[in-house]
């Protein structure tokens, strides 16, 4: 951490200053505040915070740090995506992160940061705000284990539904029964256009955007596993390894044995669903992770607990999806 005077405050009490994503001290402050507020199970390193605050094509993001006696004690980050309705609703904004160190809670800091985030989202034209779940989310929603939902309820947020991260140890993973005899293999040079055509045809919104952003940022094409039929690419899923561009730590796998890995998103052509293609694709992805040495595996942000349970996955972390009408 750099010297305290890197953060200016107006007096002996806390004050709020803009977050500067280009300042390593600010990035380190977010990591320390988030980890201090959320605990080791949800710890963030500065490198992971950098990933979450990289510029996303078409998105706008801003943040505020709360400082007390020159030290950062709270943070709020918010983002919006105003000009690409094919990817995300322009009137929905996200509160990417909000956290206050325990010793500085119940002093109005969290309320002030949350109010700033709502005002900023309104300024971007957003009529609704969501806690988490942005195009580069710190988390899909509010981790229920934190027990902080009442804070948001009192400030007008409503619980729409819940979602889960699932986890399994792949050491003894056995191939799923019912897999089809079709080709599933990592994407190779030359497959990029065929994969883009699949996303544009079947999932032209967020998943298509995330694929294009993955390549724009320099991600490996081979992190995508493709399912091929006689008509070409009919399914794809993204795998995250410990050496992938997007950090696997963003899925908070700390309670699982290493090496870590992650599977998802998973998409299959609409007219192929319910016929075993999705099962075949997921099974191929899990076998690829297992054969690459992965033990602790996350399938994130899903409500399909029973479906993924057939592969040995169980609930690992639960999130509440909280929304507020900002109009």
C-alpha atoms as a PDB file:
ATOM      1  CA  UNK A   1       0.000   0.000   0.000  1.00  0.00           C
ATOM      2  CA  UNK A   2       1.311   3.472  -0.778  1.00  0.00           C
ATOM      3  CA  UNK A   3       1.515   6.312   1.700  1.00  0.00           C
ATOM      4  CA  UNK A   4      -1.757   7.471   3.297  1.00  0.00           C
ATOM      5  CA  UNK A   5      -1.548  10.905   1.646  1.00  0.00           C
ATOM      6  CA  UNK A   6      -2.334   9.256  -1.707  1.00  0.00           C
ATOM      7  CA  UNK A   7      -5.939   9.517  -0.456  1.00  0.00           C
ATOM      8  CA  UNK A   8      -7.174  12.993   0.393  1.00  0.00           C
ATOM      9  CA  UNK A   9      -9.856  13.545   3.015  1.00  0.00           C
ATOM     10  CA  UNK A  10     -11.496  16.777   4.036  1.00  0.00           C
ATOM     11  CA  UNK A  11     -11.322  16.408   7.785  1.00  0.00           C
ATOM     12  CA  UNK A  12     -11.155  14.033  10.751  1.00  0.00           C
ATOM     13  CA  UNK A  13     -14.331  12.168   9.662  1.00  0.00           C
ATOM     14  CA  UNK A  14     -14.836  10.038   6.570  1.00  0.00           C
ATOM     15  CA  UNK A  15     -15.258  11.519   3.130  1.00  0.00           C
ATOM     16  CA  UNK A  16     -15.843  10.137  -0.343  1.00  0.00           C
ATOM     17  CA  UNK A  17     -13.439  10.571  -3.250  1.00  0.00           C
ATOM     18  CA  UNK A  18     -13.551   9.265  -6.855  1.00  0.00           C
ATOM     19  CA  UNK A  19     -12.004   5.890  -7.611  1.00  0.00           C
ATOM     20  CA  UNK A  20      -9.159   5.975 -10.132  1.00  0.00           C
ATOM     21  CA  UNK A  21      -8.796   2.633 -11.925  1.00  0.00           C
ATOM     22  CA  UNK A  22      -5.329   3.678 -13.141  1.00  0.00           C
ATOM     23  CA  UNK A  23      -4.017   4.124  -9.587  1.00  0.00           C
ATOM     24  CA  UNK A  24      -2.536   0.883  -8.180  1.00  0.00           C
ATOM     25  CA  UNK A  25      -3.176   2.152  -4.661  1.00  0.00           C
ATOM     26  CA  UNK A  26      -6.875   2.496  -5.380  1.00  0.00           C
ATOM     27  CA  UNK A  27      -6.986  -0.990  -6.884  1.00  0.00           C
ATOM     28  CA  UNK A  28      -5.193  -2.423  -3.843  1.00  0.00           C
ATOM     29  CA  UNK A  29      -7.616  -0.547  -1.583  1.00  0.00           C
ATOM     30  CA  UNK A  30     -10.625  -2.213  -3.222  1.00  0.00           C
ATOM     31  CA  UNK A  31      -9.046  -5.646  -2.762  1.00  0.00           C
ATOM     32  CA  UNK A  32      -8.345  -4.955   0.917  1.00  0.00           C
ATOM     33  CA  UNK A  33     -11.785  -3.475   1.640  1.00  0.00           C
ATOM     34  CA  UNK A  34     -13.704  -6.213  -0.164  1.00  0.00           C
ATOM     35  CA  UNK A  35     -11.689  -8.972   1.530  1.00  0.00           C
ATOM     36  CA  UNK A  36     -11.915  -7.316   4.926  1.00  0.00           C
ATOM     37  CA  UNK A  37     -15.674  -6.918   4.641  1.00  0.00           C
ATOM     38  CA  UNK A  38     -16.508 -10.257   3.011  1.00  0.00           C
ATOM     39  CA  UNK A  39     -13.943 -12.572   4.606  1.00  0.00           C
ATOM     40  CA  UNK A  40     -11.400 -15.067   3.263  1.00  0.00           C
ATOM     41  CA  UNK A  41     -13.993 -17.207   1.451  1.00  0.00           C
ATOM     42  CA  UNK A  42     -14.656 -14.241  -0.867  1.00  0.00           C
ATOM     43  CA  UNK A  43     -11.164 -12.762  -0.935  1.00  0.00           C
ATOM     44  CA  UNK A  44     -10.005 -10.672  -3.881  1.00  0.00           C
ATOM     45  CA  UNK A  45      -6.418  -9.978  -4.910  1.00  0.00           C
ATOM     46  CA  UNK A  46      -5.454  -6.719  -6.674  1.00  0.00           C
ATOM     47  CA  UNK A  47      -4.934  -8.598  -9.956  1.00  0.00           C
ATOM     48  CA  UNK A  48      -8.507  -9.844  -9.832  1.00  0.00           C
ATOM     49  CA  UNK A  49      -9.785  -6.341  -9.065  1.00  0.00           C
ATOM     50  CA  UNK A  50      -7.874  -5.140 -12.123  1.00  0.00           C
ATOM     51  CA  UNK A  51      -9.772  -7.668 -14.224  1.00  0.00           C
ATOM     52  CA  UNK A  52     -13.085  -6.380 -12.871  1.00  0.00           C
ATOM     53  CA  UNK A  53     -12.173  -2.768 -13.623  1.00  0.00           C
ATOM     54  CA  UNK A  54     -10.740  -3.219 -17.117  1.00  0.00           C
ATOM     55  CA  UNK A  55     -12.564  -1.234 -19.732  1.00  0.00           C
ATOM     56  CA  UNK A  56     -15.432  -3.214 -21.272  1.00  0.00           C
ATOM     57  CA  UNK A  57     -16.334  -2.275 -24.847  1.00  0.00           C
ATOM     58  CA  UNK A  58     -19.396  -0.041 -24.747  1.00  0.00           C
ATOM     59  CA  UNK A  59     -19.661   0.014 -20.953  1.00  0.00           C
ATOM     60  CA  UNK A  60     -19.142   2.873 -18.518  1.00  0.00           C
ATOM     61  CA  UNK A  61     -17.979   2.355 -14.945  1.00  0.00           C
ATOM     62  CA  UNK A  62     -17.305   4.696 -12.054  1.00  0.00           C
ATOM     63  CA  UNK A  63     -16.499   4.283  -8.398  1.00  0.00           C
ATOM     64  CA  UNK A  64     -16.055   6.032  -5.089  1.00  0.00           C
ATOM     65  CA  UNK A  65     -13.773   5.335  -2.151  1.00  0.00           C
ATOM     66  CA  UNK A  66     -14.663   6.287   1.386  1.00  0.00           C
ATOM     67  CA  UNK A  67     -11.622   7.426   3.350  1.00  0.00           C
ATOM     68  CA  UNK A  68     -11.179   8.014   7.076  1.00  0.00           C
ATOM     69  CA  UNK A  69      -8.043   9.664   8.460  1.00  0.00           C
ATOM     70  CA  UNK A  70      -6.493   9.282   5.032  1.00  0.00           C
ATOM     71  CA  UNK A  71      -7.150   5.540   4.789  1.00  0.00           C
ATOM     72  CA  UNK A  72      -9.629   3.827   2.452  1.00  0.00           C
ATOM     73  CA  UNK A  73     -12.411   2.121   4.396  1.00  0.00           C
ATOM     74  CA  UNK A  74     -15.257   1.682   1.891  1.00  0.00           C
ATOM     75  CA  UNK A  75     -15.892   1.320  -1.832  1.00  0.00           C
ATOM     76  CA  UNK A  76     -18.701   1.366  -4.365  1.00  0.00           C
ATOM     77  CA  UNK A  77     -18.397   0.614  -8.083  1.00  0.00           C
ATOM     78  CA  UNK A  78     -21.235   0.938 -10.580  1.00  0.00           C
ATOM     79  CA  UNK A  79     -21.503   0.286 -14.305  1.00  0.00           C
ATOM     80  CA  UNK A  80     -23.941   0.703 -17.177  1.00  0.00           C
ATOM     81  CA  UNK A  81     -24.167  -0.394 -20.787  1.00  0.00           C
ATOM     82  CA  UNK A  82     -26.177   2.316 -22.509  1.00  0.00           C
ATOM     83  CA  UNK A  83     -25.789   1.822 -26.251  1.00  0.00           C
ATOM     84  CA  UNK A  84     -26.114  -1.883 -27.126  1.00  0.00           C
ATOM     85  CA  UNK A  85     -29.626  -3.158 -26.321  1.00  0.00           C
ATOM     86  CA  UNK A  86     -28.865  -6.417 -28.131  1.00  0.00           C
ATOM     87  CA  UNK A  87     -26.399  -7.240 -25.348  1.00  0.00           C
ATOM     88  CA  UNK A  88     -28.019  -5.755 -22.243  1.00  0.00           C
ATOM     89  CA  UNK A  89     -31.020  -3.608 -21.374  1.00  0.00           C
ATOM     90  CA  UNK A  90     -29.787   0.007 -21.401  1.00  0.00           C
ATOM     91  CA  UNK A  91     -32.173   0.989 -18.592  1.00  0.00           C
ATOM     92  CA  UNK A  92     -30.674  -1.591 -16.185  1.00  0.00           C
ATOM     93  CA  UNK A  93     -27.487  -0.628 -14.373  1.00  0.00           C
ATOM     94  CA  UNK A  94     -25.336  -2.584 -11.975  1.00  0.00           C
ATOM     95  CA  UNK A  95     -23.760  -1.963  -8.612  1.00  0.00           C
ATOM     96  CA  UNK A  96     -20.645  -4.021  -9.224  1.00  0.00           C
ATOM     97  CA  UNK A  97     -19.283  -3.836  -5.705  1.00  0.00           C
ATOM     98  CA  UNK A  98     -20.082  -2.184  -2.405  1.00  0.00           C
ATOM     99  CA  UNK A  99     -18.216  -2.907   0.818  1.00  0.00           C
ATOM    100  CA  UNK A 100     -17.183  -1.189   4.043  1.00  0.00           C
ATOM    101  CA  UNK A 101     -14.581  -2.436   6.513  1.00  0.00           C
ATOM    102  CA  UNK A 102     -16.276  -3.855   9.633  1.00  0.00           C
ATOM    103  CA  UNK A 103     -14.747  -1.281  12.000  1.00  0.00           C
ATOM    104  CA  UNK A 104     -16.323   1.516   9.942  1.00  0.00           C
ATOM    105  CA  UNK A 105     -19.776   0.056   9.427  1.00  0.00           C
ATOM    106  CA  UNK A 106     -22.906   1.627  10.968  1.00  0.00           C
ATOM    107  CA  UNK A 107     -21.498   5.112  10.438  1.00  0.00           C
ATOM    108  CA  UNK A 108     -23.482   6.002   7.313  1.00  0.00           C
ATOM    109  CA  UNK A 109     -20.673   5.143   4.904  1.00  0.00           C
ATOM    110  CA  UNK A 110     -22.445   2.263   3.207  1.00  0.00           C
ATOM    111  CA  UNK A 111     -25.636   4.288   2.864  1.00  0.00           C
ATOM    112  CA  UNK A 112     -23.750   7.169   1.285  1.00  0.00           C
ATOM    113  CA  UNK A 113     -21.926   4.881  -1.161  1.00  0.00           C
ATOM    114  CA  UNK A 114     -25.145   3.110  -2.138  1.00  0.00           C
ATOM    115  CA  UNK A 115     -26.933   6.440  -2.642  1.00  0.00           C
ATOM    116  CA  UNK A 116     -24.067   7.677  -4.827  1.00  0.00           C
ATOM    117  CA  UNK A 117     -24.291   4.500  -6.957  1.00  0.00           C
ATOM    118  CA  UNK A 118     -28.032   4.945  -7.468  1.00  0.00           C
ATOM    119  CA  UNK A 119     -27.610   8.607  -8.431  1.00  0.00           C
ATOM    120  CA  UNK A 120     -24.800   7.779 -10.845  1.00  0.00           C
ATOM    121  CA  UNK A 121     -26.861   5.044 -12.520  1.00  0.00           C
ATOM    122  CA  UNK A 122     -29.780   7.447 -12.940  1.00  0.00           C
ATOM    123  CA  UNK A 123     -27.394   9.896 -14.583  1.00  0.00           C
ATOM    124  CA  UNK A 124     -26.542   7.157 -17.101  1.00  0.00           C
ATOM    125  CA  UNK A 125     -30.222   6.771 -17.971  1.00  0.00           C
ATOM    126  CA  UNK A 126     -30.852   3.660 -15.866  1.00  0.00           C
ATOM    127  CA  UNK A 127     -34.302   3.269 -14.346  1.00  0.00           C
ATOM    128  CA  UNK A 128     -33.402   0.116 -12.388  1.00  0.00           C
ATOM    129  CA  UNK A 129     -30.350  -1.048 -10.487  1.00  0.00           C
ATOM    130  CA  UNK A 130     -29.137  -4.575  -9.837  1.00  0.00           C
ATOM    131  CA  UNK A 131     -26.695  -5.669  -7.156  1.00  0.00           C
ATOM    132  CA  UNK A 132     -24.000  -7.621  -9.011  1.00  0.00           C
ATOM    133  CA  UNK A 133     -24.413  -9.442 -12.300  1.00  0.00           C
ATOM    134  CA  UNK A 134     -22.765  -6.891 -14.601  1.00  0.00           C
ATOM    135  CA  UNK A 135     -20.898  -7.713 -17.805  1.00  0.00           C
ATOM    136  CA  UNK A 136     -17.795  -8.307 -15.694  1.00  0.00           C
ATOM    137  CA  UNK A 137     -19.328  -9.171 -12.329  1.00  0.00           C
ATOM    138  CA  UNK A 138     -17.576  -9.300  -8.998  1.00  0.00           C
ATOM    139  CA  UNK A 139     -20.428 -11.707  -8.165  1.00  0.00           C
ATOM    140  CA  UNK A 140     -23.781 -12.670  -9.738  1.00  0.00           C
ATOM    141  CA  UNK A 141     -25.620 -11.110  -6.811  1.00  0.00           C
ATOM    142  CA  UNK A 142     -25.386 -10.684  -3.054  1.00  0.00           C
ATOM    143  CA  UNK A 143     -23.747 -13.729  -1.376  1.00  0.00           C
ATOM    144  CA  UNK A 144     -26.405 -14.859   1.096  1.00  0.00           C
ATOM    145  CA  UNK A 145     -23.764 -16.132   3.541  1.00  0.00           C
ATOM    146  CA  UNK A 146     -22.840 -12.510   4.319  1.00  0.00           C
ATOM    147  CA  UNK A 147     -26.221 -11.975   5.959  1.00  0.00           C
ATOM    148  CA  UNK A 148     -26.418  -8.358   4.778  1.00  0.00           C
ATOM    149  CA  UNK A 149     -29.601  -8.458   2.698  1.00  0.00           C
ATOM    150  CA  UNK A 150     -31.567  -6.455   5.307  1.00  0.00           C
ATOM    151  CA  UNK A 151     -29.311  -3.445   4.677  1.00  0.00           C
ATOM    152  CA  UNK A 152     -30.441  -3.375   1.049  1.00  0.00           C
ATOM    153  CA  UNK A 153     -34.080  -4.173   1.807  1.00  0.00           C
ATOM    154  CA  UNK A 154     -34.265  -1.096   4.028  1.00  0.00           C
ATOM    155  CA  UNK A 155     -33.036   0.988   1.112  1.00  0.00           C
ATOM    156  CA  UNK A 156     -35.621  -0.179  -1.381  1.00  0.00           C
ATOM    157  CA  UNK A 157     -34.004  -3.247  -2.925  1.00  0.00           C
ATOM    158  CA  UNK A 158     -36.170  -6.300  -3.570  1.00  0.00           C
ATOM    159  CA  UNK A 159     -35.198  -9.967  -3.766  1.00  0.00           C
ATOM    160  CA  UNK A 160     -36.209 -11.185  -7.228  1.00  0.00           C
ATOM    161  CA  UNK A 161     -34.775 -14.711  -7.148  1.00  0.00           C
ATOM    162  CA  UNK A 162     -31.715 -16.698  -6.099  1.00  0.00           C
ATOM    163  CA  UNK A 163     -28.908 -18.328  -8.055  1.00  0.00           C
ATOM    164  CA  UNK A 164     -26.030 -20.608  -7.121  1.00  0.00           C
ATOM    165  CA  UNK A 165     -22.443 -21.555  -7.793  1.00  0.00           C
ATOM    166  CA  UNK A 166     -22.012 -25.332  -7.812  1.00  0.00           C
ATOM    167  CA  UNK A 167     -18.832 -27.276  -7.111  1.00  0.00           C
ATOM    168  CA  UNK A 168     -17.313 -30.741  -7.400  1.00  0.00           C
ATOM    169  CA  UNK A 169     -13.963 -32.499  -7.039  1.00  0.00           C
ATOM    170  CA  UNK A 170     -13.159 -33.917 -10.477  1.00  0.00           C
ATOM    171  CA  UNK A 171     -10.495 -36.343  -9.243  1.00  0.00           C
ATOM    172  CA  UNK A 172     -12.806 -39.337  -9.588  1.00  0.00           C
ATOM    173  CA  UNK A 173     -15.135 -37.918 -12.224  1.00  0.00           C
ATOM    174  CA  UNK A 174     -16.621 -40.636 -14.427  1.00  0.00           C
ATOM    175  CA  UNK A 175     -18.122 -39.951 -17.862  1.00  0.00           C
ATOM    176  CA  UNK A 176     -21.843 -39.250 -17.730  1.00  0.00           C
ATOM    177  CA  UNK A 177     -24.208 -41.877 -19.042  1.00  0.00           C
ATOM    178  CA  UNK A 178     -26.181 -40.934 -22.121  1.00  0.00           C
ATOM    179  CA  UNK A 179     -23.454 -38.977 -23.927  1.00  0.00           C
ATOM    180  CA  UNK A 180     -23.818 -38.912 -27.707  1.00  0.00           C
ATOM    181  CA  UNK A 181     -21.233 -40.013 -30.254  1.00  0.00           C
ATOM    182  CA  UNK A 182     -20.476 -36.517 -31.553  1.00  0.00           C
ATOM    183  CA  UNK A 183     -17.231 -34.573 -31.715  1.00  0.00           C
ATOM    184  CA  UNK A 184     -16.381 -32.202 -28.860  1.00  0.00           C
ATOM    185  CA  UNK A 185     -12.974 -30.549 -29.038  1.00  0.00           C
ATOM    186  CA  UNK A 186     -11.250 -27.295 -28.097  1.00  0.00           C
ATOM    187  CA  UNK A 187     -11.591 -24.515 -30.637  1.00  0.00           C
ATOM    188  CA  UNK A 188      -8.650 -24.315 -33.012  1.00  0.00           C
ATOM    189  CA  UNK A 189      -7.238 -21.516 -35.161  1.00  0.00           C
ATOM    190  CA  UNK A 190      -9.689 -21.100 -37.987  1.00  0.00           C
ATOM    191  CA  UNK A 191     -12.755 -21.970 -35.854  1.00  0.00           C
ATOM    192  CA  UNK A 192     -13.353 -18.392 -34.733  1.00  0.00           C
ATOM    193  CA  UNK A 193     -15.816 -17.420 -37.464  1.00  0.00           C
ATOM    194  CA  UNK A 194     -17.840 -20.623 -37.101  1.00  0.00           C
ATOM    195  CA  UNK A 195     -18.082 -20.094 -33.339  1.00  0.00           C
ATOM    196  CA  UNK A 196     -19.138 -16.470 -33.792  1.00  0.00           C
ATOM    197  CA  UNK A 197     -21.814 -17.554 -36.268  1.00  0.00           C
ATOM    198  CA  UNK A 198     -23.116 -20.028 -33.658  1.00  0.00           C
ATOM    199  CA  UNK A 199     -23.355 -17.339 -30.972  1.00  0.00           C
ATOM    200  CA  UNK A 200     -24.996 -14.892 -33.372  1.00  0.00           C
ATOM    201  CA  UNK A 201     -27.556 -17.486 -34.440  1.00  0.00           C
ATOM    202  CA  UNK A 202     -28.400 -19.023 -31.070  1.00  0.00           C
ATOM    203  CA  UNK A 203     -27.346 -16.572 -28.345  1.00  0.00           C
ATOM    204  CA  UNK A 204     -26.991 -13.143 -30.000  1.00  0.00           C
ATOM    205  CA  UNK A 205     -27.068 -11.212 -26.717  1.00  0.00           C
ATOM    206  CA  UNK A 206     -24.695 -11.348 -23.784  1.00  0.00           C
ATOM    207  CA  UNK A 207     -22.985 -14.653 -24.639  1.00  0.00           C
ATOM    208  CA  UNK A 208     -22.161 -13.470 -28.159  1.00  0.00           C
ATOM    209  CA  UNK A 209     -20.769 -10.246 -26.695  1.00  0.00           C
ATOM    210  CA  UNK A 210     -18.707 -12.074 -24.080  1.00  0.00           C
ATOM    211  CA  UNK A 211     -17.136 -14.263 -26.769  1.00  0.00           C
ATOM    212  CA  UNK A 212     -16.168 -11.240 -28.854  1.00  0.00           C
ATOM    213  CA  UNK A 213     -14.831  -9.458 -25.776  1.00  0.00           C
ATOM    214  CA  UNK A 214     -12.831 -12.559 -24.812  1.00  0.00           C
ATOM    215  CA  UNK A 215     -11.034 -12.432 -28.162  1.00  0.00           C
ATOM    216  CA  UNK A 216     -10.625  -8.638 -28.139  1.00  0.00           C
ATOM    217  CA  UNK A 217      -8.855  -8.895 -24.807  1.00  0.00           C
ATOM    218  CA  UNK A 218      -6.489 -11.621 -26.012  1.00  0.00           C
ATOM    219  CA  UNK A 219      -8.177 -14.655 -24.462  1.00  0.00           C
ATOM    220  CA  UNK A 220      -7.365 -18.106 -25.824  1.00  0.00           C
ATOM    221  CA  UNK A 221      -9.757 -19.372 -28.453  1.00  0.00           C
ATOM    222  CA  UNK A 222      -9.019 -22.884 -27.169  1.00  0.00           C
ATOM    223  CA  UNK A 223     -10.669 -22.066 -23.831  1.00  0.00           C
ATOM    224  CA  UNK A 224     -13.907 -22.669 -25.743  1.00  0.00           C
ATOM    225  CA  UNK A 225     -14.935 -26.287 -26.208  1.00  0.00           C
ATOM    226  CA  UNK A 226     -17.011 -26.863 -29.362  1.00  0.00           C
ATOM    227  CA  UNK A 227     -19.647 -29.484 -30.121  1.00  0.00           C
ATOM    228  CA  UNK A 228     -19.760 -30.380 -33.803  1.00  0.00           C
ATOM    229  CA  UNK A 229     -22.504 -32.032 -35.820  1.00  0.00           C
ATOM    230  CA  UNK A 230     -22.930 -32.573 -39.539  1.00  0.00           C
ATOM    231  CA  UNK A 231     -23.985 -28.927 -39.907  1.00  0.00           C
ATOM    232  CA  UNK A 232     -21.067 -27.416 -37.996  1.00  0.00           C
ATOM    233  CA  UNK A 233     -20.846 -25.909 -34.506  1.00  0.00           C
ATOM    234  CA  UNK A 234     -24.005 -26.815 -32.576  1.00  0.00           C
ATOM    235  CA  UNK A 235     -22.776 -26.110 -29.050  1.00  0.00           C
ATOM    236  CA  UNK A 236     -20.019 -24.409 -27.083  1.00  0.00           C
ATOM    237  CA  UNK A 237     -18.886 -23.938 -23.519  1.00  0.00           C
ATOM    238  CA  UNK A 238     -16.171 -21.805 -21.973  1.00  0.00           C
ATOM    239  CA  UNK A 239     -13.594 -23.321 -19.631  1.00  0.00           C
ATOM    240  CA  UNK A 240     -11.467 -21.339 -17.197  1.00  0.00           C
ATOM    241  CA  UNK A 241      -8.111 -22.661 -15.995  1.00  0.00           C
ATOM    242  CA  UNK A 242      -5.576 -21.215 -13.596  1.00  0.00           C
ATOM    243  CA  UNK A 243      -3.627 -19.792 -16.556  1.00  0.00           C
ATOM    244  CA  UNK A 244      -6.633 -18.367 -18.432  1.00  0.00           C
ATOM    245  CA  UNK A 245      -6.990 -14.680 -19.136  1.00  0.00           C
ATOM    246  CA  UNK A 246      -9.958 -14.247 -16.823  1.00  0.00           C
ATOM    247  CA  UNK A 247      -8.784 -15.201 -13.322  1.00  0.00           C
ATOM    248  CA  UNK A 248     -10.334 -18.360 -11.931  1.00  0.00           C
ATOM    249  CA  UNK A 249     -10.150 -16.671  -8.519  1.00  0.00           C
ATOM    250  CA  UNK A 250     -13.107 -14.502  -9.546  1.00  0.00           C
ATOM    251  CA  UNK A 251     -15.258 -17.590  -8.802  1.00  0.00           C
ATOM    252  CA  UNK A 252     -13.932 -17.751  -5.213  1.00  0.00           C
ATOM    253  CA  UNK A 253     -12.885 -21.443  -5.324  1.00  0.00           C
ATOM    254  CA  UNK A 254     -10.791 -21.226  -2.147  1.00  0.00           C
ATOM    255  CA  UNK A 255     -12.648 -24.007  -0.324  1.00  0.00           C
ATOM    256  CA  UNK A 256     -11.905 -26.493  -3.098  1.00  0.00           C
ATOM    257  CA  UNK A 257      -8.773 -28.573  -3.747  1.00  0.00           C
ATOM    258  CA  UNK A 258      -6.337 -27.214  -6.329  1.00  0.00           C
ATOM    259  CA  UNK A 259      -5.769 -27.019  -9.225  1.00  0.00           C
ATOM    260  CA  UNK A 260      -8.958 -25.027  -9.823  1.00  0.00           C
ATOM    261  CA  UNK A 261     -11.109 -24.818 -12.908  1.00  0.00           C
ATOM    262  CA  UNK A 262     -14.498 -23.521 -14.021  1.00  0.00           C
ATOM    263  CA  UNK A 263     -17.070 -24.513 -16.630  1.00  0.00           C
ATOM    264  CA  UNK A 264     -19.639 -22.175 -18.216  1.00  0.00           C
ATOM    265  CA  UNK A 265     -21.233 -20.602 -20.179  1.00  0.00           C
ATOM    266  CA  UNK A 266     -22.828 -23.625 -21.873  1.00  0.00           C
ATOM    267  CA  UNK A 267     -24.970 -23.222 -24.981  1.00  0.00           C
ATOM    268  CA  UNK A 268     -26.547 -25.652 -27.451  1.00  0.00           C
ATOM    269  CA  UNK A 269     -28.587 -24.897 -30.578  1.00  0.00           C
ATOM    270  CA  UNK A 270     -32.273 -24.545 -29.797  1.00  0.00           C
ATOM    271  CA  UNK A 271     -33.387 -27.415 -32.012  1.00  0.00           C
ATOM    272  CA  UNK A 272     -30.801 -29.723 -30.401  1.00  0.00           C
ATOM    273  CA  UNK A 273     -31.921 -29.168 -26.797  1.00  0.00           C
ATOM    274  CA  UNK A 274     -33.480 -31.967 -24.809  1.00  0.00           C
ATOM    275  CA  UNK A 275     -31.759 -34.565 -26.958  1.00  0.00           C
ATOM    276  CA  UNK A 276     -28.541 -35.190 -25.023  1.00  0.00           C
ATOM    277  CA  UNK A 277     -26.315 -32.626 -26.708  1.00  0.00           C
ATOM    278  CA  UNK A 278     -25.999 -30.440 -23.632  1.00  0.00           C
ATOM    279  CA  UNK A 279     -25.139 -33.440 -21.478  1.00  0.00           C
ATOM    280  CA  UNK A 280     -22.540 -34.510 -24.042  1.00  0.00           C
ATOM    281  CA  UNK A 281     -20.945 -31.047 -24.129  1.00  0.00           C
ATOM    282  CA  UNK A 282     -20.768 -30.662 -20.346  1.00  0.00           C
ATOM    283  CA  UNK A 283     -19.369 -34.168 -19.953  1.00  0.00           C
ATOM    284  CA  UNK A 284     -16.665 -33.419 -22.541  1.00  0.00           C
ATOM    285  CA  UNK A 285     -15.792 -30.178 -20.757  1.00  0.00           C
ATOM    286  CA  UNK A 286     -15.501 -31.853 -17.367  1.00  0.00           C
ATOM    287  CA  UNK A 287     -13.360 -34.634 -18.810  1.00  0.00           C
ATOM    288  CA  UNK A 288     -11.081 -32.063 -20.412  1.00  0.00           C
ATOM    289  CA  UNK A 289     -10.700 -30.252 -17.090  1.00  0.00           C
ATOM    290  CA  UNK A 290     -10.101 -33.501 -15.199  1.00  0.00           C
ATOM    291  CA  UNK A 291      -7.554 -34.743 -17.733  1.00  0.00           C
ATOM    292  CA  UNK A 292      -5.779 -31.383 -17.449  1.00  0.00           C
ATOM    293  CA  UNK A 293      -5.328 -31.937 -13.717  1.00  0.00           C
ATOM    294  CA  UNK A 294      -8.193 -29.821 -12.394  1.00  0.00           C
ATOM    295  CA  UNK A 295      -9.669 -30.972  -9.091  1.00  0.00           C
ATOM    296  CA  UNK A 296     -11.819 -28.216  -7.608  1.00  0.00           C
ATOM    297  CA  UNK A 297     -14.329 -27.179 -10.290  1.00  0.00           C
ATOM    298  CA  UNK A 298     -16.986 -24.445 -10.215  1.00  0.00           C
ATOM    299  CA  UNK A 299     -20.098 -24.155 -12.368  1.00  0.00           C
ATOM    300  CA  UNK A 300     -21.187 -20.616 -11.648  1.00  0.00           C
ATOM    301  CA  UNK A 301     -24.402 -18.606 -11.707  1.00  0.00           C
ATOM    302  CA  UNK A 302     -27.042 -21.273 -12.319  1.00  0.00           C
ATOM    303  CA  UNK A 303     -30.401 -22.431 -11.012  1.00  0.00           C
ATOM    304  CA  UNK A 304     -30.105 -25.882 -12.647  1.00  0.00           C
ATOM    305  CA  UNK A 305     -29.143 -27.672  -9.446  1.00  0.00           C
ATOM    306  CA  UNK A 306     -30.738 -31.007 -10.309  1.00  0.00           C
ATOM    307  CA  UNK A 307     -29.442 -31.029 -13.878  1.00  0.00           C
ATOM    308  CA  UNK A 308     -25.830 -30.410 -12.876  1.00  0.00           C
ATOM    309  CA  UNK A 309     -26.279 -32.732  -9.918  1.00  0.00           C
ATOM    310  CA  UNK A 310     -26.151 -35.653 -12.342  1.00  0.00           C
ATOM    311  CA  UNK A 311     -22.478 -34.746 -12.903  1.00  0.00           C
ATOM    312  CA  UNK A 312     -21.740 -34.770  -9.163  1.00  0.00           C
ATOM    313  CA  UNK A 313     -22.067 -31.022  -8.551  1.00  0.00           C
ATOM    314  CA  UNK A 314     -23.591 -29.673  -5.337  1.00  0.00           C
ATOM    315  CA  UNK A 315     -24.443 -26.123  -4.178  1.00  0.00           C
ATOM    316  CA  UNK A 316     -21.328 -24.213  -3.164  1.00  0.00           C
ATOM    317  CA  UNK A 317     -22.497 -20.605  -2.785  1.00  0.00           C
ATOM    318  CA  UNK A 318     -25.917 -18.936  -2.963  1.00  0.00           C
ATOM    319  CA  UNK A 319     -26.670 -15.417  -4.222  1.00  0.00           C
ATOM    320  CA  UNK A 320     -29.721 -13.198  -3.860  1.00  0.00           C
ATOM    321  CA  UNK A 321     -30.530 -11.201  -6.987  1.00  0.00           C
ATOM    322  CA  UNK A 322     -31.551  -7.796  -5.639  1.00  0.00           C
ATOM    323  CA  UNK A 323     -33.107  -5.028  -7.746  1.00  0.00           C
ATOM    324  CA  UNK A 324     -34.346  -1.503  -7.122  1.00  0.00           C
ATOM    325  CA  UNK A 325     -36.567   0.774  -9.153  1.00  0.00           C
ATOM    326  CA  UNK A 326     -34.485   3.935  -9.510  1.00  0.00           C
ATOM    327  CA  UNK A 327     -37.101   5.981 -11.329  1.00  0.00           C
END
